[in-house]
Amino acid sequence: MDHLDTRLIALLRENARTPVATLAKQLQVSRGTVQNRIERLLEDRVLLGFTVRTTPEAASYRIRAITMVRTEGDADQVLRTLRGLPEVRALHTTNGRWDIVAELATDTLQEFDEVLRRIGKVKGVANTETSLLLSTHKL
């Protein structure tokens, strides 16, 4: 990856629907160069795809939270188990006091309570701490 790739990725992050011709003009290169770069970035798995971003209010999930997880034993097994829970939207490993950060989303508090119970029962989960996400100030 070079400086042009980095600039192209930054523009795509802002708006992945920007036409190739517009990207080329902004980057001051030919349209073919941009198309070739995007294809190569996809082939090299630098770009994994293009997606839609919505505001949290537009999402169907009303309850969103971050759960920090401390593991004991096989952290990889905990990650595999948490990946299988549909309410877990993202998983991150981290350093410090907590080993895993899980982003959760449910429709109701009852579903939220249930998923927290399931996470607490996962073999290898030593402790958790959860914070509800109240409002979003930057995406």
C-alpha atoms as a PDB file:
ATOM      1  CA  MET A   1       0.000   0.000   0.000  1.00  0.00           C
ATOM      2  CA  ASP A   2       1.227   3.460  -0.834  1.00  0.00           C
ATOM      3  CA  HIS A   3       0.048   7.006  -0.172  1.00  0.00           C
ATOM      4  CA  LEU A   4      -2.470   6.874  -3.043  1.00  0.00           C
ATOM      5  CA  ASP A   5      -4.052   3.699  -1.640  1.00  0.00           C
ATOM      6  CA  THR A   6      -4.301   5.323   1.784  1.00  0.00           C
ATOM      7  CA  ARG A   7      -5.980   8.420   0.344  1.00  0.00           C
ATOM      8  CA  LEU A   8      -8.351   6.263  -1.740  1.00  0.00           C
ATOM      9  CA  ILE A   9      -9.370   4.232   1.310  1.00  0.00           C
ATOM     10  CA  ALA A  10      -9.983   7.440   3.280  1.00  0.00           C
ATOM     11  CA  LEU A  11     -12.296   8.731   0.539  1.00  0.00           C
ATOM     12  CA  LEU A  12     -14.145   5.413   0.390  1.00  0.00           C
ATOM     13  CA  ARG A  13     -14.588   5.471   4.165  1.00  0.00           C
ATOM     14  CA  GLU A  14     -16.278   8.856   3.862  1.00  0.00           C
ATOM     15  CA  ASN A  15     -18.614   7.607   1.147  1.00  0.00           C
ATOM     16  CA  ALA A  16     -18.160   4.208  -0.504  1.00  0.00           C
ATOM     17  CA  ARG A  17     -20.727   5.197  -3.148  1.00  0.00           C
ATOM     18  CA  THR A  18     -18.567   7.979  -4.567  1.00  0.00           C
ATOM     19  CA  PRO A  19     -18.304   7.401  -8.325  1.00  0.00           C
ATOM     20  CA  VAL A  20     -14.908   6.253  -9.603  1.00  0.00           C
ATOM     21  CA  ALA A  21     -14.697   9.337 -11.838  1.00  0.00           C
ATOM     22  CA  THR A  22     -15.147  11.604  -8.817  1.00  0.00           C
ATOM     23  CA  LEU A  23     -12.535   9.674  -6.841  1.00  0.00           C
ATOM     24  CA  ALA A  24     -10.119   9.957  -9.759  1.00  0.00           C
ATOM     25  CA  LYS A  25     -10.647  13.715  -9.941  1.00  0.00           C
ATOM     26  CA  GLN A  26     -10.145  14.134  -6.181  1.00  0.00           C
ATOM     27  CA  LEU A  27      -6.974  12.009  -6.291  1.00  0.00           C
ATOM     28  CA  GLN A  28      -5.761  13.631  -9.528  1.00  0.00           C
ATOM     29  CA  VAL A  29      -5.267  10.284 -11.290  1.00  0.00           C
ATOM     30  CA  SER A  30      -7.046   8.509 -14.132  1.00  0.00           C
ATOM     31  CA  ARG A  31     -10.313   6.649 -13.695  1.00  0.00           C
ATOM     32  CA  GLY A  32      -8.565   3.422 -14.730  1.00  0.00           C
ATOM     33  CA  THR A  33      -5.975   3.890 -11.983  1.00  0.00           C
ATOM     34  CA  VAL A  34      -8.718   4.170  -9.364  1.00  0.00           C
ATOM     35  CA  GLN A  35     -10.584   1.136 -10.727  1.00  0.00           C
ATOM     36  CA  ASN A  36      -7.377  -0.928 -10.779  1.00  0.00           C
ATOM     37  CA  ARG A  37      -6.466   0.163  -7.259  1.00  0.00           C
ATOM     38  CA  ILE A  38      -9.909  -0.766  -5.908  1.00  0.00           C
ATOM     39  CA  GLU A  39      -9.768  -4.182  -7.619  1.00  0.00           C
ATOM     40  CA  ARG A  40      -6.276  -4.839  -6.230  1.00  0.00           C
ATOM     41  CA  LEU A  41      -7.282  -3.733  -2.719  1.00  0.00           C
ATOM     42  CA  LEU A  42     -10.250  -6.118  -2.891  1.00  0.00           C
ATOM     43  CA  GLU A  43      -8.096  -8.999  -4.202  1.00  0.00           C
ATOM     44  CA  ASP A  44      -5.483  -8.388  -1.484  1.00  0.00           C
ATOM     45  CA  ARG A  45      -8.285  -8.319   1.104  1.00  0.00           C
ATOM     46  CA  VAL A  46      -7.329  -4.832   2.243  1.00  0.00           C
ATOM     47  CA  LEU A  47     -10.871  -3.819   1.328  1.00  0.00           C
ATOM     48  CA  LEU A  48     -13.304  -6.492   2.482  1.00  0.00           C
ATOM     49  CA  GLY A  49     -16.383  -4.964   0.896  1.00  0.00           C
ATOM     50  CA  PHE A  50     -18.697  -2.009   0.969  1.00  0.00           C
ATOM     51  CA  THR A  51     -21.487  -1.497   3.451  1.00  0.00           C
ATOM     52  CA  VAL A  52     -24.261   0.783   4.608  1.00  0.00           C
ATOM     53  CA  ARG A  53     -23.905   2.893   7.745  1.00  0.00           C
ATOM     54  CA  THR A  54     -27.001   4.010   9.595  1.00  0.00           C
ATOM     55  CA  THR A  55     -27.560   6.185  12.602  1.00  0.00           C
ATOM     56  CA  PRO A  56     -28.153   4.252  15.815  1.00  0.00           C
ATOM     57  CA  GLU A  57     -31.689   5.621  15.857  1.00  0.00           C
ATOM     58  CA  ALA A  58     -32.402   4.010  12.479  1.00  0.00           C
ATOM     59  CA  ALA A  59     -31.282   0.586  13.657  1.00  0.00           C
ATOM     60  CA  SER A  60     -33.974  -1.821  14.713  1.00  0.00           C
ATOM     61  CA  TYR A  61     -32.183  -2.579  17.978  1.00  0.00           C
ATOM     62  CA  ARG A  62     -33.253  -0.348  20.805  1.00  0.00           C
ATOM     63  CA  ILE A  63     -30.905  -1.668  23.486  1.00  0.00           C
ATOM     64  CA  ARG A  64     -27.178  -1.342  22.752  1.00  0.00           C
ATOM     65  CA  ALA A  65     -24.308  -1.985  25.136  1.00  0.00           C
ATOM     66  CA  ILE A  66     -20.650  -2.716  25.550  1.00  0.00           C
ATOM     67  CA  THR A  67     -19.727  -5.714  27.689  1.00  0.00           C
ATOM     68  CA  MET A  68     -16.178  -6.135  28.910  1.00  0.00           C
ATOM     69  CA  VAL A  69     -15.177  -9.746  29.537  1.00  0.00           C
ATOM     70  CA  ARG A  70     -12.352 -11.137  31.653  1.00  0.00           C
ATOM     71  CA  THR A  71     -11.450 -14.690  30.716  1.00  0.00           C
ATOM     72  CA  GLU A  72      -9.727 -17.531  32.481  1.00  0.00           C
ATOM     73  CA  GLY A  73      -8.365 -20.454  30.537  1.00  0.00           C
ATOM     74  CA  ASP A  74      -9.027 -20.648  26.804  1.00  0.00           C
ATOM     75  CA  ALA A  75      -9.895 -17.132  25.602  1.00  0.00           C
ATOM     76  CA  ASP A  76     -10.145 -18.417  22.007  1.00  0.00           C
ATOM     77  CA  GLN A  77     -12.963 -20.755  23.052  1.00  0.00           C
ATOM     78  CA  VAL A  78     -14.777 -17.837  24.699  1.00  0.00           C
ATOM     79  CA  LEU A  79     -14.422 -15.822  21.476  1.00  0.00           C
ATOM     80  CA  ARG A  80     -15.753 -18.735  19.390  1.00  0.00           C
ATOM     81  CA  THR A  81     -18.770 -19.091  21.677  1.00  0.00           C
ATOM     82  CA  LEU A  82     -19.516 -15.349  21.721  1.00  0.00           C
ATOM     83  CA  ARG A  83     -19.241 -15.205  17.903  1.00  0.00           C
ATOM     84  CA  GLY A  84     -22.178 -17.609  17.795  1.00  0.00           C
ATOM     85  CA  LEU A  85     -24.522 -15.323  19.727  1.00  0.00           C
ATOM     86  CA  PRO A  86     -26.648 -13.256  17.300  1.00  0.00           C
ATOM     87  CA  GLU A  87     -26.939 -10.402  19.809  1.00  0.00           C
ATOM     88  CA  VAL A  88     -23.155  -9.946  19.736  1.00  0.00           C
ATOM     89  CA  ARG A  89     -22.569  -7.430  16.919  1.00  0.00           C
ATOM     90  CA  ALA A  90     -18.774  -7.141  17.257  1.00  0.00           C
ATOM     91  CA  LEU A  91     -15.948  -8.603  19.312  1.00  0.00           C
ATOM     92  CA  HIS A  92     -12.618  -7.023  20.124  1.00  0.00           C
ATOM     93  CA  THR A  93      -9.650  -8.356  22.066  1.00  0.00           C
ATOM     94  CA  THR A  94      -7.945  -5.806  24.250  1.00  0.00           C
ATOM     95  CA  ASN A  95      -5.232  -5.364  26.830  1.00  0.00           C
ATOM     96  CA  GLY A  96      -5.467  -4.200  30.398  1.00  0.00           C
ATOM     97  CA  ARG A  97      -8.091  -5.251  32.900  1.00  0.00           C
ATOM     98  CA  TRP A  98     -10.442  -6.832  30.326  1.00  0.00           C
ATOM     99  CA  ASP A  99      -9.624  -9.432  27.658  1.00  0.00           C
ATOM    100  CA  ILE A 100     -12.612  -9.035  25.323  1.00  0.00           C
ATOM    101  CA  VAL A 101     -15.018  -6.222  24.504  1.00  0.00           C
ATOM    102  CA  ALA A 102     -18.368  -7.310  23.047  1.00  0.00           C
ATOM    103  CA  GLU A 103     -20.810  -4.941  21.379  1.00  0.00           C
ATOM    104  CA  LEU A 104     -24.376  -6.118  22.085  1.00  0.00           C
ATOM    105  CA  ALA A 105     -27.717  -5.201  20.531  1.00  0.00           C
ATOM    106  CA  THR A 106     -31.226  -6.399  21.418  1.00  0.00           C
ATOM    107  CA  ASP A 107     -34.789  -5.251  20.905  1.00  0.00           C
ATOM    108  CA  THR A 108     -35.923  -5.483  24.512  1.00  0.00           C
ATOM    109  CA  LEU A 109     -34.526  -5.378  28.024  1.00  0.00           C
ATOM    110  CA  GLN A 110     -35.742  -8.935  28.537  1.00  0.00           C
ATOM    111  CA  GLU A 111     -33.629 -10.125  25.566  1.00  0.00           C
ATOM    112  CA  PHE A 112     -30.722  -8.057  26.876  1.00  0.00           C
ATOM    113  CA  ASP A 113     -31.004  -9.664  30.318  1.00  0.00           C
ATOM    114  CA  GLU A 114     -31.057 -13.115  28.714  1.00  0.00           C
ATOM    115  CA  VAL A 115     -27.956 -12.535  26.585  1.00  0.00           C
ATOM    116  CA  LEU A 116     -26.051 -11.247  29.627  1.00  0.00           C
ATOM    117  CA  ARG A 117     -27.011 -14.426  31.484  1.00  0.00           C
ATOM    118  CA  ARG A 118     -25.803 -16.560  28.551  1.00  0.00           C
ATOM    119  CA  ILE A 119     -22.494 -14.698  28.372  1.00  0.00           C
ATOM    120  CA  GLY A 120     -21.979 -15.134  32.110  1.00  0.00           C
ATOM    121  CA  LYS A 121     -22.438 -18.909  31.757  1.00  0.00           C
ATOM    122  CA  VAL A 122     -19.899 -19.308  28.935  1.00  0.00           C
ATOM    123  CA  LYS A 123     -17.076 -21.611  30.022  1.00  0.00           C
ATOM    124  CA  GLY A 124     -13.966 -19.480  30.497  1.00  0.00           C
ATOM    125  CA  VAL A 125     -15.775 -16.227  31.335  1.00  0.00           C
ATOM    126  CA  ALA A 126     -14.458 -15.119  34.726  1.00  0.00           C
ATOM    127  CA  ASN A 127     -16.158 -11.744  35.031  1.00  0.00           C
ATOM    128  CA  THR A 128     -18.053  -9.151  32.984  1.00  0.00           C
ATOM    129  CA  GLU A 129     -18.940  -5.488  33.214  1.00  0.00           C
ATOM    130  CA  THR A 130     -21.604  -3.923  30.999  1.00  0.00           C
ATOM    131  CA  SER A 131     -22.404  -0.342  30.070  1.00  0.00           C
ATOM    132  CA  LEU A 132     -25.503   0.657  28.141  1.00  0.00           C
ATOM    133  CA  LEU A 133     -24.916   2.976  25.191  1.00  0.00           C
ATOM    134  CA  LEU A 134     -27.202   5.956  25.726  1.00  0.00           C
ATOM    135  CA  SER A 135     -26.422   8.310  22.838  1.00  0.00           C
ATOM    136  CA  THR A 136     -23.985   8.466  19.951  1.00  0.00           C
ATOM    137  CA  HIS A 137     -21.938  11.570  19.223  1.00  0.00           C
ATOM    138  CA  LYS A 138     -19.735  10.333  16.374  1.00  0.00           C
ATOM    139  CA  LEU A 139     -19.768   7.381  14.024  1.00  0.00           C
END
